[in-house]
């Protein structure tokens, strides 16, 4: 597979060859699913909490005497059996994060990139740099590349080995635009976007790592 490489004016300046053993073959959707679920779980706040009988207020005194009232025995108003008492086995703050084997994560990223390449959603540019910090210039650049509409709608993922600081400052305020280094790219990043703008260096680095 060969992808055209364009410059900032969307003019073809070269091509990059993709290894069929890396970006060809069957797309393993199960790996993508596993990676996306893992990342979604890691992003959960896990701050849910309920009060058990040790945390609810009151209950320091025995509500009534042990015998002779005809009522059931009770030692505290904080008992889960009582109204406004503690909750039994309620949710407590916890982390939902877990890890997958590196081979699974790489396979998921490889499958996600295969899917987007077949859809024609990947645009390869020679470089992404900005001489000055200017949001309007970054927006016009992405529009020339066909990664954004004139109304700046939709999601665009920008990938580079080392992101240019001026370009990051220029594009970070654009709605739907996300900038990621190639070493931090995940399957969810690839699937959760409409267009992917990647530099030649980023594509070559990904091919090297995933090969």
Protein backbone atom coordinates (compact mmCIF):
# COMPACT_ATOMS: atom_id res chain seq x y z
CA UNK A 1 0.00 0.00 0.00
CA UNK A 2 1.25 3.47 -0.88
CA UNK A 3 0.02 6.77 0.54
CA UNK A 4 0.59 10.17 -1.01
CA UNK A 5 2.49 12.72 1.06
CA UNK A 6 1.33 16.32 0.74
CA UNK A 7 2.65 19.64 1.99
CA UNK A 8 0.83 22.38 3.87
CA UNK A 9 -0.73 23.54 0.57
CA UNK A 10 -2.14 20.04 -0.07
CA UNK A 11 0.25 19.51 -2.98
CA UNK A 12 1.76 16.08 -3.48
CA UNK A 13 5.45 16.05 -2.63
CA UNK A 14 6.11 12.34 -2.32
CA UNK A 15 4.80 8.98 -1.16
CA UNK A 16 5.25 6.60 1.74
CA UNK A 17 5.16 2.82 1.37
CA UNK A 18 3.23 0.82 3.95
CA UNK A 19 4.18 -2.75 4.75
CA UNK A 20 1.33 -5.12 3.94
CA UNK A 21 2.39 -7.41 6.78
CA UNK A 22 1.70 -4.54 9.20
CA UNK A 23 -1.28 -2.71 7.71
CA UNK A 24 -2.73 -5.50 5.57
CA UNK A 25 -4.61 -8.66 6.38
CA UNK A 26 -7.68 -9.25 8.51
CA UNK A 27 -8.82 -6.49 10.84
CA UNK A 28 -9.04 -7.95 14.34
CA UNK A 29 -12.00 -6.04 15.75
CA UNK A 30 -11.93 -7.96 19.02
CA UNK A 31 -8.56 -6.43 19.88
CA UNK A 32 -9.87 -2.94 19.17
CA UNK A 33 -12.88 -3.60 21.39
CA UNK A 34 -10.68 -4.87 24.24
CA UNK A 35 -8.37 -1.86 24.04
CA UNK A 36 -11.22 0.69 23.92
CA UNK A 37 -13.01 -0.91 26.88
CA UNK A 38 -9.75 -0.94 28.85
CA UNK A 39 -9.12 2.76 28.20
CA UNK A 40 -12.72 3.70 28.99
CA UNK A 41 -12.49 1.81 32.27
CA UNK A 42 -9.22 3.57 33.14
CA UNK A 43 -10.88 6.95 32.59
CA UNK A 44 -13.68 6.25 35.08
CA UNK A 45 -13.47 8.50 38.12
CA UNK A 46 -14.56 5.77 40.55
CA UNK A 47 -15.54 8.38 43.15
CA UNK A 48 -18.89 6.77 44.02
CA UNK A 49 -19.41 6.20 47.74
CA UNK A 50 -22.11 5.25 50.22
CA UNK A 51 -22.04 5.53 54.00
CA UNK A 52 -21.85 2.32 55.99
CA UNK A 53 -22.92 2.10 59.63
CA UNK A 54 -19.56 3.47 60.73
CA UNK A 55 -19.97 6.64 58.68
CA UNK A 56 -23.59 7.66 59.22
CA UNK A 57 -24.28 10.13 62.00
CA UNK A 58 -25.94 9.34 65.31
CA UNK A 59 -26.40 6.00 66.96
CA UNK A 60 -24.06 6.49 69.87
CA UNK A 61 -26.74 5.60 72.38
CA UNK A 62 -28.82 2.44 72.65
CA UNK A 63 -32.25 3.60 71.38
CA UNK A 64 -34.23 1.81 74.11
CA UNK A 65 -33.72 -0.78 76.78
CA UNK A 66 -32.95 -4.35 75.82
CA UNK A 67 -36.11 -6.02 77.17
CA UNK A 68 -39.61 -5.23 78.27
CA UNK A 69 -40.71 -2.93 75.43
CA UNK A 70 -42.12 -5.57 73.12
CA UNK A 71 -39.92 -4.20 70.34
CA UNK A 72 -37.05 -6.02 68.68
CA UNK A 73 -33.66 -5.70 70.29
CA UNK A 74 -31.56 -2.83 68.89
CA UNK A 75 -28.19 -1.47 69.83
CA UNK A 76 -27.85 1.46 67.44
CA UNK A 77 -29.92 3.63 65.11
CA UNK A 78 -27.09 3.28 62.58
CA UNK A 79 -28.05 -0.32 61.89
CA UNK A 80 -28.75 -1.03 58.20
CA UNK A 81 -32.18 -2.29 59.28
CA UNK A 82 -33.17 1.18 60.43
CA UNK A 83 -34.30 4.13 58.38
CA UNK A 84 -31.33 6.44 57.72
CA UNK A 85 -29.03 3.65 58.83
CA UNK A 86 -25.84 2.55 57.10
CA UNK A 87 -25.74 0.88 53.68
CA UNK A 88 -24.63 -2.73 53.48
CA UNK A 89 -21.94 -3.49 50.89
CA UNK A 90 -22.53 -0.21 49.02
CA UNK A 91 -20.14 1.10 46.36
CA UNK A 92 -16.90 2.60 47.63
CA UNK A 93 -14.21 4.67 45.85
CA UNK A 94 -12.12 2.42 43.66
CA UNK A 95 -10.05 2.38 40.49
CA UNK A 96 -11.42 0.57 37.45
CA UNK A 97 -8.08 0.65 35.63
CA UNK A 98 -6.48 -2.55 34.44
CA UNK A 99 -3.75 -3.49 31.99
CA UNK A 100 -3.70 -5.51 28.81
CA UNK A 101 -0.65 -7.25 27.37
CA UNK A 102 1.49 -5.00 25.17
CA UNK A 103 0.92 -7.29 22.21
CA UNK A 104 -2.83 -6.83 22.56
CA UNK A 105 -2.53 -3.04 22.69
CA UNK A 106 -0.25 -2.97 19.66
CA UNK A 107 -2.51 -5.36 17.79
CA UNK A 108 -5.49 -3.15 18.60
CA UNK A 109 -3.71 -0.03 17.33
CA UNK A 110 -2.63 -1.88 14.21
CA UNK A 111 -6.20 -3.05 13.54
CA UNK A 112 -7.62 0.44 14.14
CA UNK A 113 -5.14 1.97 11.70
CA UNK A 114 -5.93 -0.73 9.14
CA UNK A 115 -9.62 0.14 9.39
CA UNK A 116 -9.08 3.88 8.96
CA UNK A 117 -6.65 3.35 6.07
CA UNK A 118 -9.22 1.27 4.22
CA UNK A 119 -11.76 4.05 4.77
CA UNK A 120 -9.35 6.61 3.32
CA UNK A 121 -9.45 8.68 6.50
CA UNK A 122 -5.68 9.11 6.84
CA UNK A 123 -3.88 12.16 5.43
CA UNK A 124 -0.07 12.14 5.40
CA UNK A 125 1.82 15.44 5.39
CA UNK A 126 5.54 16.08 5.19
CA UNK A 127 5.55 18.16 8.38
CA UNK A 128 3.31 20.15 10.70
CA UNK A 129 4.96 23.32 11.90
CA UNK A 130 3.84 26.88 12.56
CA UNK A 131 6.03 29.95 12.38
CA UNK A 132 3.81 31.82 14.81
CA UNK A 133 1.02 31.07 17.25
CA UNK A 134 -2.14 31.80 15.27
CA UNK A 135 -5.33 29.74 15.51
CA UNK A 136 -6.69 31.04 12.22
CA UNK A 137 -3.62 29.83 10.34
CA UNK A 138 -3.87 26.34 11.88
CA UNK A 139 -7.56 26.16 10.99
CA UNK A 140 -6.91 27.17 7.38
CA UNK A 141 -4.11 24.59 7.14
CA UNK A 142 -6.39 21.76 8.29
CA UNK A 143 -9.12 22.96 5.94
CA UNK A 144 -6.71 22.90 2.96
CA UNK A 145 -5.77 19.34 3.87
CA UNK A 146 -9.45 18.35 3.89
CA UNK A 147 -9.32 17.44 7.57
CA UNK A 148 -11.86 20.08 8.60
CA UNK A 149 -14.91 21.66 7.06
CA UNK A 150 -15.35 25.40 6.75
CA UNK A 151 -17.60 25.29 9.80
CA UNK A 152 -14.87 23.45 11.77
CA UNK A 153 -17.25 20.57 12.57
CA UNK A 154 -16.28 16.94 13.11
CA UNK A 155 -13.28 15.41 14.88
CA UNK A 156 -9.72 15.61 13.63
CA UNK A 157 -6.74 13.75 15.07
CA UNK A 158 -3.27 15.20 14.49
CA UNK A 159 -0.35 12.80 15.01
CA UNK A 160 3.36 13.58 15.01
CA UNK A 161 6.47 12.07 16.56
CA UNK A 162 7.24 15.32 18.35
CA UNK A 163 4.52 17.96 18.16
CA UNK A 164 5.61 21.46 17.18
CA UNK A 165 4.98 23.78 20.14
CA UNK A 166 3.68 26.68 18.02
CA UNK A 167 1.32 24.39 16.11
CA UNK A 168 0.01 22.92 19.37
CA UNK A 169 -0.69 26.38 20.77
CA UNK A 170 -2.37 27.35 17.50
CA UNK A 171 -4.61 24.31 17.12
CA UNK A 172 -5.52 23.41 20.70
CA UNK A 173 -8.50 25.79 20.74
CA UNK A 174 -10.03 24.41 17.55
CA UNK A 175 -13.23 22.49 18.23
CA UNK A 176 -12.87 18.76 17.62
CA UNK A 177 -9.10 18.88 17.04
CA UNK A 178 -6.90 16.64 19.17
CA UNK A 179 -3.11 16.45 19.01
CA UNK A 180 -1.30 13.27 20.04
CA UNK A 181 2.29 12.09 19.87
CA UNK A 182 2.75 8.85 17.96
CA UNK A 183 4.18 7.15 21.04
CA UNK A 184 0.97 7.85 23.00
CA UNK A 185 -1.49 6.94 20.24
CA UNK A 186 -4.18 4.39 21.18
CA UNK A 187 -6.83 2.45 19.31
CA UNK A 188 -9.56 4.61 20.86
CA UNK A 189 -7.87 7.77 19.58
CA UNK A 190 -7.85 6.35 16.05
CA UNK A 191 -11.44 5.12 16.07
CA UNK A 192 -12.93 8.17 17.79
CA UNK A 193 -12.20 10.63 15.00
CA UNK A 194 -13.35 11.52 11.51
CA UNK A 195 -9.98 12.35 9.95
CA UNK A 196 -6.39 11.58 10.87
CA UNK A 197 -3.59 13.95 9.86
CA UNK A 198 -0.22 12.31 10.42
CA UNK A 199 3.26 13.37 9.46
CA UNK A 200 5.51 11.14 7.36
CA UNK A 201 7.78 10.67 10.39
CA UNK A 202 4.82 9.55 12.54
CA UNK A 203 3.67 7.00 9.96
CA UNK A 204 7.17 5.59 9.61
CA UNK A 205 7.58 5.40 13.40
CA UNK A 206 4.23 3.63 13.83
CA UNK A 207 5.12 1.17 11.10
CA UNK A 208 8.42 0.45 12.81
CA UNK A 209 6.85 -0.07 16.24
CA UNK A 210 3.88 -2.13 15.04
CA UNK A 211 5.89 -4.25 12.62
